[in-house]
Amino acid sequence: MSGAIIIIITVVTIFSIKQGKAQATSTENLQEKVNAEINYLDTKLLSMLNGLNNIMLRNYVVTSKEVGQNSADIDDESSGASKNNEETESEAGSGTTDNEERTSLHELQSAGVLTTNKDANWDTLKTEIEILYSSWSTIILDLYKLNVNSEDILEFSTLLDSATIFIKNEDKPQALATLANLYACLPKYVQGYSNDNKQINIQKTKSSIVNAYSVVENENWNEISGQINDAEKSFLNVLNSVSTEEDYEVNKTYILIKELQNSITEKDKDIFYIKYKNVIEKLNNMK
């Protein structure tokens, strides 16, 4: 009888271990999925925030335009080759009178802060905020599964509605403030399901910098200074915890944060935007 009990206990133990491993693997996979979803929200929100001032993180963009060439000129350039009768009839039936061949011309254009206007592309922003709704409905479920605070999840939904209204009404200052508040939810979520202090502090650093950026339009330099000080404090936690191999990139990022901090004394929006652009791009590349 005692032998049977031992066998039963052994089977139950093995089953419990397997179940525990399966649950751990499932949780780990879900965390990886949510990390990807947080990265998506990070990218999408930053894109909209930057778009409100027409700021692009890359220095050049590829533009294209259609150019036309008269068909008579094309014929001359192609060794006098003439069109056959079928082509001629087809063109006659199309009602086209200027017989042009269209082609696309691509060129690089500067996308610097000083060379572009600060006007928001509201049509693009309205499209992006609508797309965010469909993604958020899926992300909500995953956050709940990882036991992220339900009030923090609800806060994002409420802010998303407000941001949509401000973008619909093309209210730039309020849209900036509300999108920054949406972005501030991200470090709360990461902290709710992850023990990765480096990731948490990088997310906090970016959130403080975004908060500062969101009030530059109103030239609230005291608030901007306070937010950049908070960003520095968060990033110092990263700086003090990295390995020797990571020192160079982390130190370089910290210098950029200090440069952003020093720019506040100038009280010049363009200088701030230039340095903001540099530090956000660097933080985006940190893993």
Protein backbone atom coordinates (compact mmCIF):
# COMPACT_ATOMS: atom_id res chain seq x y z
CA MET A 1 0.00 0.00 0.00
CA SER A 2 2.81 2.36 0.88
CA GLY A 3 4.41 1.61 -2.50
CA ALA A 4 1.22 2.67 -4.30
CA ILE A 5 1.12 5.92 -2.33
CA ILE A 6 4.71 6.67 -3.29
CA ILE A 7 3.90 6.06 -6.96
CA ILE A 8 0.87 8.36 -6.77
CA ILE A 9 2.88 11.11 -5.07
CA THR A 10 5.62 10.76 -7.69
CA VAL A 11 3.12 11.02 -10.56
CA VAL A 12 1.43 14.06 -9.01
CA THR A 13 4.82 15.73 -8.46
CA ILE A 14 5.92 15.12 -12.05
CA PHE A 15 2.57 16.42 -13.33
CA SER A 16 2.83 19.56 -11.17
CA ILE A 17 6.38 20.23 -12.39
CA LYS A 18 5.30 19.88 -16.01
CA GLN A 19 2.30 22.13 -15.44
CA GLY A 20 4.51 24.71 -13.75
CA LYS A 21 6.98 24.68 -16.64
CA ALA A 22 4.15 24.99 -19.16
CA GLN A 23 2.66 27.97 -17.31
CA ALA A 24 6.08 29.63 -17.01
CA THR A 25 6.68 29.17 -20.74
CA SER A 26 3.21 30.53 -21.54
CA THR A 27 3.79 33.61 -19.35
CA GLU A 28 7.21 34.19 -20.88
CA ASN A 29 5.77 34.00 -24.40
CA LEU A 30 3.00 36.43 -23.44
CA GLN A 31 5.55 38.85 -21.99
CA GLU A 32 7.51 38.75 -25.24
CA LYS A 33 4.31 39.47 -27.15
CA VAL A 34 3.43 42.38 -24.87
CA ASN A 35 6.97 43.76 -25.19
CA ALA A 36 6.43 43.88 -28.95
CA GLU A 37 3.06 45.56 -28.42
CA ILE A 38 4.59 48.18 -26.09
CA ASN A 39 7.25 48.85 -28.75
CA TYR A 40 4.46 49.31 -31.28
CA LEU A 41 2.65 51.81 -29.03
CA ASP A 42 5.96 53.57 -28.37
CA THR A 43 6.66 53.96 -32.10
CA LYS A 44 3.10 54.97 -32.98
CA LEU A 45 2.74 57.58 -30.22
CA LEU A 46 6.17 59.09 -30.91
CA SER A 47 5.31 59.29 -34.59
CA MET A 48 2.13 61.25 -33.83
CA LEU A 49 3.83 63.49 -31.26
CA ASN A 50 6.64 64.31 -33.68
CA GLY A 51 4.15 64.70 -36.52
CA LEU A 52 2.40 67.50 -34.66
CA ASN A 53 5.53 69.61 -35.25
CA ASN A 54 6.49 67.92 -38.52
CA ILE A 55 9.65 66.53 -36.89
CA MET A 56 11.26 63.49 -38.50
CA LEU A 57 13.94 61.51 -36.70
CA ARG A 58 15.77 60.84 -39.97
CA ASN A 59 17.62 63.74 -41.58
CA TYR A 60 16.49 63.07 -45.15
CA VAL A 61 13.31 61.80 -46.79
CA VAL A 62 12.78 60.39 -50.26
CA THR A 63 10.21 62.33 -52.27
CA SER A 64 8.79 61.44 -55.66
CA LYS A 65 6.98 63.40 -58.32
CA GLU A 66 5.62 62.57 -61.73
CA VAL A 67 7.15 64.23 -64.74
CA GLY A 68 5.78 64.11 -68.25
CA GLN A 69 7.46 63.92 -71.62
CA ASN A 70 5.78 64.62 -74.94
CA SER A 71 5.41 61.52 -77.13
CA ALA A 72 6.99 63.31 -80.12
CA ASP A 73 10.15 63.87 -78.08
CA ILE A 74 10.16 60.22 -77.00
CA ASP A 75 9.90 59.11 -80.62
CA ASP A 76 12.93 61.24 -81.53
CA GLU A 77 14.94 59.81 -78.64
CA SER A 78 14.14 56.20 -79.59
CA SER A 79 15.87 56.26 -83.01
CA GLY A 80 12.76 57.41 -84.86
CA ALA A 81 10.76 54.27 -84.06
CA SER A 82 7.11 54.88 -84.91
CA LYS A 83 4.07 53.51 -83.11
CA ASN A 84 2.11 50.74 -84.80
CA ASN A 85 -1.48 51.17 -85.90
CA GLU A 86 -2.96 49.41 -82.86
CA GLU A 87 -1.21 51.80 -80.45
CA THR A 88 -2.33 54.80 -82.49
CA GLU A 89 -5.95 53.63 -82.48
CA SER A 90 -5.81 52.96 -78.75
CA GLU A 91 -4.54 56.45 -78.03
CA ALA A 92 -7.14 58.02 -80.29
CA GLY A 93 -9.89 56.21 -78.41
CA SER A 94 -8.60 57.33 -75.02
CA GLY A 95 -9.30 61.01 -75.67
CA THR A 96 -5.76 62.03 -74.69
CA THR A 97 -4.59 65.06 -76.63
CA ASP A 98 -1.13 65.77 -75.23
CA ASN A 99 0.25 62.16 -75.53
CA GLU A 100 2.57 62.26 -72.54
CA GLU A 101 4.46 59.40 -70.95
CA ARG A 102 4.60 59.77 -67.17
CA THR A 103 7.56 58.74 -65.07
CA SER A 104 8.44 59.13 -61.39
CA LEU A 105 11.40 61.19 -60.32
CA HIS A 106 12.82 60.38 -56.85
CA GLU A 107 15.03 62.72 -54.87
CA LEU A 108 16.38 63.19 -51.33
CA GLN A 109 15.11 66.20 -49.40
CA SER A 110 16.40 67.55 -46.10
CA ALA A 111 14.16 66.82 -43.10
CA GLY A 112 15.98 68.94 -40.54
CA VAL A 113 14.25 70.99 -37.85
CA LEU A 114 15.44 74.31 -39.32
CA THR A 115 14.51 73.45 -42.91
CA THR A 116 10.93 72.26 -42.42
CA ASN A 117 7.82 74.05 -41.21
CA LYS A 118 6.14 73.09 -37.93
CA ASP A 119 2.68 72.55 -39.41
CA ALA A 120 0.98 69.29 -38.47
CA ASN A 121 -0.30 66.95 -41.18
CA TRP A 122 -3.74 66.56 -39.65
CA ASP A 123 -5.06 64.10 -42.24
CA THR A 124 -2.22 61.68 -41.46
CA LEU A 125 -2.70 62.11 -37.70
CA LYS A 126 -6.43 61.42 -37.98
CA THR A 127 -5.70 58.20 -39.85
CA GLU A 128 -3.04 57.10 -37.34
CA ILE A 129 -5.22 57.70 -34.28
CA GLU A 130 -7.99 55.57 -35.80
CA ILE A 131 -5.55 52.74 -36.53
CA LEU A 132 -4.44 52.88 -32.89
CA TYR A 133 -7.95 51.96 -31.73
CA SER A 134 -7.93 48.60 -33.52
CA SER A 135 -4.51 47.71 -32.10
CA TRP A 136 -5.37 48.82 -28.57
CA SER A 137 -8.39 46.49 -28.34
CA THR A 138 -6.03 43.50 -28.69
CA ILE A 139 -3.31 44.89 -26.40
CA ILE A 140 -5.85 45.44 -23.58
CA LEU A 141 -6.52 41.70 -23.29
CA ASP A 142 -2.83 40.84 -23.11
CA LEU A 143 -2.19 43.44 -20.41
CA TYR A 144 -5.05 42.05 -18.33
CA LYS A 145 -3.61 38.54 -18.68
CA LEU A 146 -0.33 39.80 -17.21
CA ASN A 147 -2.23 41.38 -14.28
CA VAL A 148 -1.31 44.95 -15.17
CA ASN A 149 -3.25 47.43 -13.01
CA SER A 150 -6.76 47.74 -14.49
CA GLU A 151 -6.99 51.46 -13.69
CA ASP A 152 -3.82 52.12 -15.67
CA ILE A 153 -5.30 50.22 -18.61
CA LEU A 154 -8.56 52.15 -18.37
CA GLU A 155 -6.62 55.42 -18.25
CA PHE A 156 -5.16 54.75 -21.70
CA SER A 157 -8.62 54.09 -23.15
CA THR A 158 -9.96 57.36 -21.71
CA LEU A 159 -6.96 59.37 -22.90
CA LEU A 160 -7.20 57.80 -26.36
CA ASP A 161 -10.76 59.15 -26.69
CA SER A 162 -9.60 62.62 -25.62
CA ALA A 163 -6.62 62.59 -27.99
CA THR A 164 -8.94 61.63 -30.85
CA ILE A 165 -11.20 64.60 -30.14
CA PHE A 166 -8.28 67.05 -30.02
CA ILE A 167 -6.80 65.69 -33.25
CA LYS A 168 -10.22 65.79 -34.93
CA ASN A 169 -10.55 69.43 -33.85
CA GLU A 170 -6.93 70.10 -34.92
CA ASP A 171 -6.10 71.45 -31.45
CA LYS A 172 -2.30 71.17 -31.42
CA PRO A 173 -1.44 72.11 -27.78
CA GLN A 174 -4.09 69.79 -26.32
CA ALA A 175 -3.20 66.99 -28.72
CA LEU A 176 0.46 67.24 -27.67
CA ALA A 177 -0.42 67.15 -23.96
CA THR A 178 -2.82 64.22 -24.29
CA LEU A 179 -0.52 62.12 -26.47
CA ALA A 180 2.26 62.71 -23.92
CA ASN A 181 -0.09 61.46 -21.19
CA LEU A 182 -0.80 58.38 -23.30
CA TYR A 183 2.93 57.80 -23.65
CA ALA A 184 3.32 58.10 -19.85
CA CYS A 185 1.19 54.96 -19.49
CA LEU A 186 3.88 52.80 -21.15
CA PRO A 187 6.41 52.73 -18.28
CA LYS A 188 3.56 51.85 -15.89
CA TYR A 189 2.68 48.84 -18.04
CA VAL A 190 6.28 47.65 -18.33
CA GLN A 191 6.74 48.03 -14.59
CA GLY A 192 3.54 46.04 -14.04
CA TYR A 193 4.72 42.84 -15.76
CA SER A 194 8.53 43.06 -16.08
CA ASN A 195 11.51 43.01 -13.73
CA ASP A 196 13.83 44.44 -16.39
CA ASN A 197 14.97 47.62 -14.61
CA LYS A 198 16.95 48.82 -17.61
CA GLN A 199 13.91 48.68 -19.87
CA ILE A 200 11.73 50.31 -17.21
CA ASN A 201 14.14 53.21 -16.66
CA ILE A 202 14.67 53.78 -20.39
CA GLN A 203 10.90 53.97 -20.80
CA LYS A 204 10.65 56.41 -17.87
CA THR A 205 13.45 58.53 -19.34
CA LYS A 206 11.71 58.76 -22.70
CA SER A 207 8.39 59.58 -21.06
CA SER A 208 9.88 62.53 -19.14
CA ILE A 209 11.54 63.83 -22.33
CA VAL A 210 8.24 63.49 -24.20
CA ASN A 211 6.48 65.40 -21.41
CA ALA A 212 9.03 68.19 -21.79
CA TYR A 213 8.61 68.20 -25.58
CA SER A 214 4.83 68.43 -25.28
CA VAL A 215 4.96 71.84 -23.52
CA VAL A 216 7.65 73.47 -25.68
CA GLU A 217 4.85 74.81 -27.89
CA ASN A 218 3.64 76.84 -24.86
CA GLU A 219 7.23 77.78 -23.94
CA ASN A 220 6.73 76.57 -20.36
CA TRP A 221 10.48 76.42 -19.66
CA ASN A 222 10.18 75.74 -15.91
CA GLU A 223 8.07 72.65 -16.59
CA ILE A 224 10.44 71.60 -19.36
CA SER A 225 13.42 71.91 -16.99
CA GLY A 226 11.70 69.81 -14.33
CA GLN A 227 10.84 67.05 -16.80
CA ILE A 228 14.41 66.87 -18.17
CA ASN A 229 15.71 66.66 -14.59
CA ASP A 230 13.39 63.68 -14.07
CA ALA A 231 14.69 62.14 -17.29
CA GLU A 232 18.26 62.47 -16.05
CA LYS A 233 17.40 60.80 -12.72
CA SER A 234 15.79 57.84 -14.49
CA PHE A 235 18.68 57.46 -16.91
CA LEU A 236 21.26 57.55 -14.12
CA ASN A 237 19.72 54.25 -12.97
CA VAL A 238 20.59 52.84 -16.39
CA LEU A 239 24.05 54.38 -16.35
CA ASN A 240 24.88 52.86 -12.97
CA SER A 241 23.74 49.36 -13.87
CA VAL A 242 25.24 48.60 -17.30
CA SER A 243 28.21 46.40 -18.10
CA THR A 244 31.54 47.69 -19.37
CA GLU A 245 30.64 46.63 -22.94
CA GLU A 246 27.62 48.94 -22.90
CA ASP A 247 29.40 51.93 -21.36
CA TYR A 248 30.11 53.83 -24.58
CA GLU A 249 26.54 53.92 -25.93
CA VAL A 250 25.03 54.62 -22.51
CA ASN A 251 27.51 57.40 -21.76
CA LYS A 252 26.87 58.94 -25.17
CA THR A 253 23.13 58.91 -24.51
CA TYR A 254 23.64 60.52 -21.10
CA ILE A 255 25.71 63.30 -22.73
CA LEU A 256 22.85 63.95 -25.17
CA ILE A 257 20.42 64.23 -22.25
CA LYS A 258 22.73 66.76 -20.59
CA GLU A 259 22.95 68.66 -23.90
CA LEU A 260 19.15 68.77 -24.02
CA GLN A 261 19.12 70.00 -20.43
CA ASN A 262 21.64 72.75 -21.19
CA SER A 263 19.65 73.93 -24.22
CA ILE A 264 16.82 75.11 -21.95
CA THR A 265 18.83 78.19 -20.94
CA GLU A 266 18.56 79.45 -24.53
CA LYS A 267 14.75 79.28 -24.40
CA ASP A 268 14.76 78.60 -28.14
CA LYS A 269 12.26 76.05 -29.42
CA ASP A 270 14.24 75.03 -32.51
CA ILE A 271 17.42 74.35 -30.52
CA PHE A 272 15.40 72.23 -28.10
CA TYR A 273 13.76 70.31 -30.96
CA ILE A 274 17.15 69.58 -32.58
CA LYS A 275 18.57 68.16 -29.35
CA TYR A 276 15.30 66.37 -28.51
CA LYS A 277 15.43 64.68 -31.89
CA ASN A 278 19.00 63.47 -31.29
CA VAL A 279 18.36 62.06 -27.81
CA ILE A 280 15.09 60.31 -28.72
CA GLU A 281 16.72 58.67 -31.72
CA LYS A 282 19.52 57.43 -29.47
CA LEU A 283 17.13 56.13 -26.81
CA ASN A 284 15.10 54.34 -29.48
CA ASN A 285 18.21 52.37 -30.43
CA MET A 286 18.91 51.23 -26.88
CA LYS A 287 17.85 47.69 -25.99
